């Protein structure tokens, strides 16, 4: 897809780590793996917490440009559908997922081969805890685009459904995909969570810890991976290792999630 700018409005919201049960749809994610691509003409429309919407303020329309719509439905109808998709993106950014789903469903019903619409509908379903429906839409998005950018979210849907073999296959594909470090990290976290769900805590620790070196200037995906790893160490009764990883996070960002409380609870 060419032209325009990416919007965080439809950012794929993973569930908070740790997720010892399927993600709670009423809780916003700590960090999305990566924004999806709903194209707008004025910059970032919004982001999932903890980053709050910037350009796309609550109640402000978001203009979405999807050039291929004109060829699919004609110029007049394309204008209407672009507006509906923009309103859906705005609602998603403002965490009004039911309303966003209602709007984007109209677009999908009319143009089922539009990747942006299938992706956004999948993310709405995910945030509403409708795992099967979310997986169906995100599978369609992946097929239409040959993209792995939403694979972590798709895998988390299957994890919530208890389809751990599908989580494993998606992780194997993602690990070889050449995707960004951020997306790979999110996929690794989901795959480790799947192992932990089955009681394989030591295997989960190995997966998350493999090749992980703490950088001098950690970025968000390093913090997320370290937090997940620390949590797994604690659950595996390896308190010293948990303390080390939580401590590294606190040294980089003492306000990151509940890291100080976790350190205090370890004693």
Protein backbone atom coordinates (compact mmCIF):
# COMPACT_ATOMS: atom_id res chain seq x y z
CA UNK A 1 0.00 0.00 0.00
CA UNK A 2 1.45 3.33 -1.07
CA UNK A 3 0.86 6.91 -0.05
CA UNK A 4 -0.70 8.39 3.07
CA UNK A 5 0.39 7.87 6.63
CA UNK A 6 -0.22 5.01 8.98
CA UNK A 7 -2.77 5.46 11.70
CA UNK A 8 -2.60 4.01 15.19
CA UNK A 9 -6.37 4.28 15.28
CA UNK A 10 -6.77 0.61 14.55
CA UNK A 11 -3.78 -0.52 16.59
CA UNK A 12 -4.02 -4.20 17.39
CA UNK A 13 -4.54 -4.31 21.06
CA UNK A 14 -3.01 -7.33 22.67
CA UNK A 15 -4.11 -8.31 26.12
CA UNK A 16 -2.06 -7.28 29.10
CA UNK A 17 0.72 -9.63 30.08
CA UNK A 18 0.49 -11.83 32.00
CA UNK A 19 -2.70 -13.36 30.69
CA UNK A 20 -3.33 -16.42 32.81
CA UNK A 21 -6.73 -16.68 31.16
CA UNK A 22 -8.11 -15.30 27.91
CA UNK A 23 -7.70 -11.51 27.76
CA UNK A 24 -10.38 -9.46 29.44
CA UNK A 25 -12.04 -7.47 26.65
CA UNK A 26 -12.88 -4.67 29.07
CA UNK A 27 -9.23 -4.02 29.86
CA UNK A 28 -7.19 -2.05 27.34
CA UNK A 29 -3.83 -3.52 26.38
CA UNK A 30 -0.57 -2.37 27.87
CA UNK A 31 0.86 -2.02 24.40
CA UNK A 32 -0.26 -2.95 20.90
CA UNK A 33 2.14 -5.02 18.85
CA UNK A 34 1.94 -2.70 15.92
CA UNK A 35 -0.55 -0.32 14.37
CA UNK A 36 -2.68 -1.66 11.61
CA UNK A 37 -2.88 0.29 8.39
CA UNK A 38 -5.92 2.46 8.08
CA UNK A 39 -4.66 5.29 5.92
CA UNK A 40 -5.45 8.87 6.84
CA UNK A 41 -4.22 12.17 5.52
CA UNK A 42 -3.35 13.97 8.74
CA UNK A 43 -1.03 11.75 10.76
CA UNK A 44 -1.70 9.53 13.71
CA UNK A 45 -5.34 9.26 14.64
CA UNK A 46 -4.87 7.60 17.99
CA UNK A 47 -3.17 4.78 19.84
CA UNK A 48 -4.12 2.14 22.32
CA UNK A 49 -3.21 2.89 25.96
CA UNK A 50 -0.93 3.88 27.55
CA UNK A 51 -0.48 6.28 24.62
CA UNK A 52 -3.70 8.23 24.30
CA UNK A 53 -5.13 9.53 21.02
CA UNK A 54 -3.18 12.49 19.69
CA UNK A 55 -4.46 13.83 16.40
CA UNK A 56 -7.71 11.86 16.51
CA UNK A 57 -9.28 13.51 19.53
CA UNK A 58 -12.53 12.13 20.91
CA UNK A 59 -15.44 13.07 18.69
CA UNK A 60 -13.29 14.36 15.84
CA UNK A 61 -13.82 12.69 12.46
CA UNK A 62 -10.86 10.83 10.96
CA UNK A 63 -10.45 11.11 7.21
CA UNK A 64 -9.47 7.79 5.71
CA UNK A 65 -8.04 7.44 2.22
CA UNK A 66 -8.43 4.02 0.59
CA UNK A 67 -7.81 4.73 -3.11
CA UNK A 68 -8.71 1.24 -4.30
CA UNK A 69 -12.31 1.76 -3.16
CA UNK A 70 -13.06 3.93 -6.17
CA UNK A 71 -12.17 1.14 -8.55
CA UNK A 72 -14.26 -1.31 -6.56
CA UNK A 73 -17.48 0.64 -6.00
CA UNK A 74 -17.19 3.86 -7.97
CA UNK A 75 -16.27 7.36 -6.86
CA UNK A 76 -19.59 8.32 -5.25
CA UNK A 77 -19.96 5.18 -3.15
CA UNK A 78 -16.27 5.18 -2.30
CA UNK A 79 -16.66 8.57 -0.62
CA UNK A 80 -19.43 7.22 1.60
CA UNK A 81 -17.53 4.09 2.54
CA UNK A 82 -14.31 6.00 3.24
CA UNK A 83 -16.25 8.25 5.59
CA UNK A 84 -17.76 5.24 7.36
CA UNK A 85 -14.34 3.61 7.68
CA UNK A 86 -12.94 6.86 9.06
CA UNK A 87 -15.67 7.04 11.67
CA UNK A 88 -15.00 3.42 12.60
CA UNK A 89 -11.30 4.20 12.99
CA UNK A 90 -12.14 7.14 15.22
CA UNK A 91 -14.45 5.02 17.36
CA UNK A 92 -11.76 2.38 17.69
CA UNK A 93 -9.21 4.97 18.76
CA UNK A 94 -11.69 6.19 21.37
CA UNK A 95 -12.24 2.61 22.60
CA UNK A 96 -15.84 2.48 21.38
CA UNK A 97 -15.33 -0.94 19.92
CA UNK A 98 -18.98 -1.93 19.52
CA UNK A 99 -19.73 1.22 17.56
CA UNK A 100 -16.57 0.80 15.49
CA UNK A 101 -17.57 -2.78 14.70
CA UNK A 102 -21.06 -1.71 13.64
CA UNK A 103 -19.66 0.83 11.22
CA UNK A 104 -16.90 -1.28 9.71
CA UNK A 105 -19.25 -4.24 9.24
CA UNK A 106 -21.14 -2.14 6.70
CA UNK A 107 -17.96 -1.66 4.72
CA UNK A 108 -17.01 -5.35 4.90
CA UNK A 109 -20.49 -6.40 3.80
CA UNK A 110 -20.17 -4.25 0.69
CA UNK A 111 -16.45 -4.68 -0.04
CA UNK A 112 -15.31 -7.97 1.57
CA UNK A 113 -11.95 -7.89 -0.22
CA UNK A 114 -10.87 -4.57 1.28
CA UNK A 115 -7.94 -5.46 3.59
CA UNK A 116 -8.23 -2.35 5.75
CA UNK A 117 -11.84 -3.11 6.59
CA UNK A 118 -11.25 -6.81 7.36
CA UNK A 119 -8.30 -5.88 9.55
CA UNK A 120 -10.19 -3.25 11.52
CA UNK A 121 -13.20 -5.52 11.96
CA UNK A 122 -10.92 -8.26 13.23
CA UNK A 123 -9.33 -5.93 15.75
CA UNK A 124 -12.74 -4.74 16.94
CA UNK A 125 -13.84 -8.33 17.47
CA UNK A 126 -10.61 -9.04 19.32
CA UNK A 127 -11.05 -6.12 21.67
CA UNK A 128 -14.62 -7.28 22.33
CA UNK A 129 -13.41 -10.78 23.23
CA UNK A 130 -15.00 -12.45 20.22
CA UNK A 131 -12.06 -14.68 19.45
CA UNK A 132 -13.48 -16.83 16.64
CA UNK A 133 -14.86 -13.85 14.77
CA UNK A 134 -11.61 -11.95 15.23
CA UNK A 135 -9.58 -14.89 13.96
CA UNK A 136 -11.78 -15.21 10.88
CA UNK A 137 -11.31 -11.56 9.94
CA UNK A 138 -7.58 -11.49 10.66
CA UNK A 139 -7.07 -14.69 8.66
CA UNK A 140 -8.84 -12.95 5.78
CA UNK A 141 -6.62 -9.89 6.19
CA UNK A 142 -3.49 -12.04 6.11
CA UNK A 143 -4.69 -13.87 3.01
CA UNK A 144 -5.53 -10.63 1.20
CA UNK A 145 -2.22 -8.95 2.02
CA UNK A 146 0.29 -11.74 2.68
CA UNK A 147 1.17 -9.66 5.74
CA UNK A 148 2.32 -10.95 9.12
CA UNK A 149 1.83 -7.68 10.97
CA UNK A 150 -1.30 -8.90 12.78
CA UNK A 151 -0.07 -12.45 13.33
CA UNK A 152 0.52 -11.87 17.09
CA UNK A 153 -3.11 -10.81 17.51
CA UNK A 154 -4.32 -13.73 15.43
CA UNK A 155 -2.21 -16.11 17.52
CA UNK A 156 -3.61 -14.62 20.71
CA UNK A 157 -7.12 -15.32 19.45
CA UNK A 158 -6.24 -18.97 18.98
CA UNK A 159 -4.53 -19.00 22.36
CA UNK A 160 -7.75 -17.76 23.97
CA UNK A 161 -9.63 -20.51 22.12
CA UNK A 162 -7.21 -23.14 23.41
CA UNK A 163 -5.95 -23.94 19.92
CA UNK A 164 -2.33 -24.08 20.97
CA UNK A 165 -1.18 -26.05 17.93
CA UNK A 166 -2.27 -23.13 15.74
CA UNK A 167 -0.41 -20.71 18.01
CA UNK A 168 2.73 -22.79 17.53
CA UNK A 169 2.41 -22.87 13.75
CA UNK A 170 1.80 -19.13 13.55
CA UNK A 171 4.81 -18.45 15.76
CA UNK A 172 7.00 -20.68 13.60
CA UNK A 173 5.92 -18.75 10.51
CA UNK A 174 6.34 -15.36 12.18
CA UNK A 175 9.81 -16.20 13.52
CA UNK A 176 10.98 -16.75 9.93
CA UNK A 177 9.07 -13.83 8.42
CA UNK A 178 11.57 -11.00 8.70
CA UNK A 179 8.96 -8.84 10.42
CA UNK A 180 9.96 -5.95 12.69
CA UNK A 181 11.46 -6.64 16.14
CA UNK A 182 8.30 -5.23 17.70
CA UNK A 183 6.02 -7.69 15.89
CA UNK A 184 8.37 -10.62 16.47
CA UNK A 185 8.50 -9.79 20.18
CA UNK A 186 4.71 -9.73 20.46
CA UNK A 187 4.49 -13.07 18.69
CA UNK A 188 7.10 -14.53 21.01
CA UNK A 189 5.17 -13.29 24.05
CA UNK A 190 1.97 -14.92 22.80
CA UNK A 191 3.77 -18.19 22.03
CA UNK A 192 5.34 -18.21 25.49
CA UNK A 193 1.96 -17.47 27.03
CA UNK A 194 0.51 -20.44 25.19
CA UNK A 195 3.17 -22.68 26.71
CA UNK A 196 2.53 -21.23 30.15
CA UNK A 197 -1.22 -21.83 29.75
CA UNK A 198 -0.39 -25.53 29.41
CA UNK A 199 1.83 -25.53 32.49
CA UNK A 200 5.06 -25.57 30.51
CA UNK A 201 6.61 -22.69 32.43
CA UNK A 202 10.23 -23.67 31.93
CA UNK A 203 9.73 -24.01 28.18
CA UNK A 204 8.03 -20.61 28.16
CA UNK A 205 10.99 -19.08 30.01
CA UNK A 206 13.39 -20.62 27.49
CA UNK A 207 11.41 -19.24 24.56
CA UNK A 208 11.27 -15.72 25.96
CA UNK A 209 14.83 -15.70 27.25
CA UNK A 210 16.51 -17.22 24.20
CA UNK A 211 18.99 -14.73 22.76
CA UNK A 212 17.64 -11.87 24.87
CA UNK A 213 20.32 -9.36 25.82
CA UNK A 214 19.40 -6.26 27.75
CA UNK A 215 20.27 -3.25 25.57
CA UNK A 216 21.82 -0.01 26.80
CA UNK A 217 18.79 1.94 25.64
CA UNK A 218 15.80 -0.41 25.90
CA UNK A 219 12.77 0.29 23.76
CA UNK A 220 9.15 -0.56 24.45
CA UNK A 221 9.34 -4.06 22.98
CA UNK A 222 12.38 -4.82 25.17
CA UNK A 223 10.42 -3.72 28.25
CA UNK A 224 7.44 -5.86 27.29
CA UNK A 225 9.57 -8.92 26.73
CA UNK A 226 11.46 -8.38 29.99
CA UNK A 227 8.22 -7.94 31.93
CA UNK A 228 6.78 -11.14 30.50
CA UNK A 229 10.01 -12.98 31.24
CA UNK A 230 10.13 -11.70 34.82
CA UNK A 231 6.55 -12.76 35.37
CA UNK A 232 7.27 -16.25 34.07
CA UNK A 233 10.33 -16.56 36.30
CA UNK A 234 8.18 -15.62 39.29
CA UNK A 235 5.50 -18.15 38.33
CA UNK A 236 8.20 -20.78 37.95
CA UNK A 237 9.37 -20.01 41.52
CA UNK A 238 12.65 -18.49 40.30
CA UNK A 239 12.36 -15.36 42.40
CA UNK A 240 16.01 -14.20 42.01
CA UNK A 241 15.70 -14.15 38.21
CA UNK A 242 12.33 -12.43 38.42
CA UNK A 243 13.85 -9.77 40.64
CA UNK A 244 16.71 -9.22 38.19
CA UNK A 245 14.42 -8.65 35.22
CA UNK A 246 11.93 -6.50 37.09
CA UNK A 247 14.90 -4.51 38.38
CA UNK A 248 16.20 -3.90 34.89
CA UNK A 249 12.82 -2.61 33.82
CA UNK A 250 12.60 -0.33 36.85
CA UNK A 251 16.08 1.01 36.12
CA UNK A 252 15.02 1.95 32.60
CA UNK A 253 11.49 3.16 33.43
CA UNK A 254 10.31 3.05 37.05
CA UNK A 255 6.79 3.99 35.94
CA UNK A 256 6.45 1.05 33.58
CA UNK A 257 3.19 -0.76 34.35
CA UNK A 258 3.26 -2.04 37.97
CA UNK A 259 6.96 -2.94 38.02
CA UNK A 260 7.73 -1.27 41.36
CA UNK A 261 4.83 -3.05 43.02
CA UNK A 262 6.00 -6.35 41.56
CA UNK A 263 9.49 -5.82 42.96
CA UNK A 264 8.10 -4.92 46.35
CA UNK A 265 5.89 -8.02 46.36
CA UNK A 266 8.94 -10.21 45.74
CA UNK A 267 10.45 -9.01 49.01
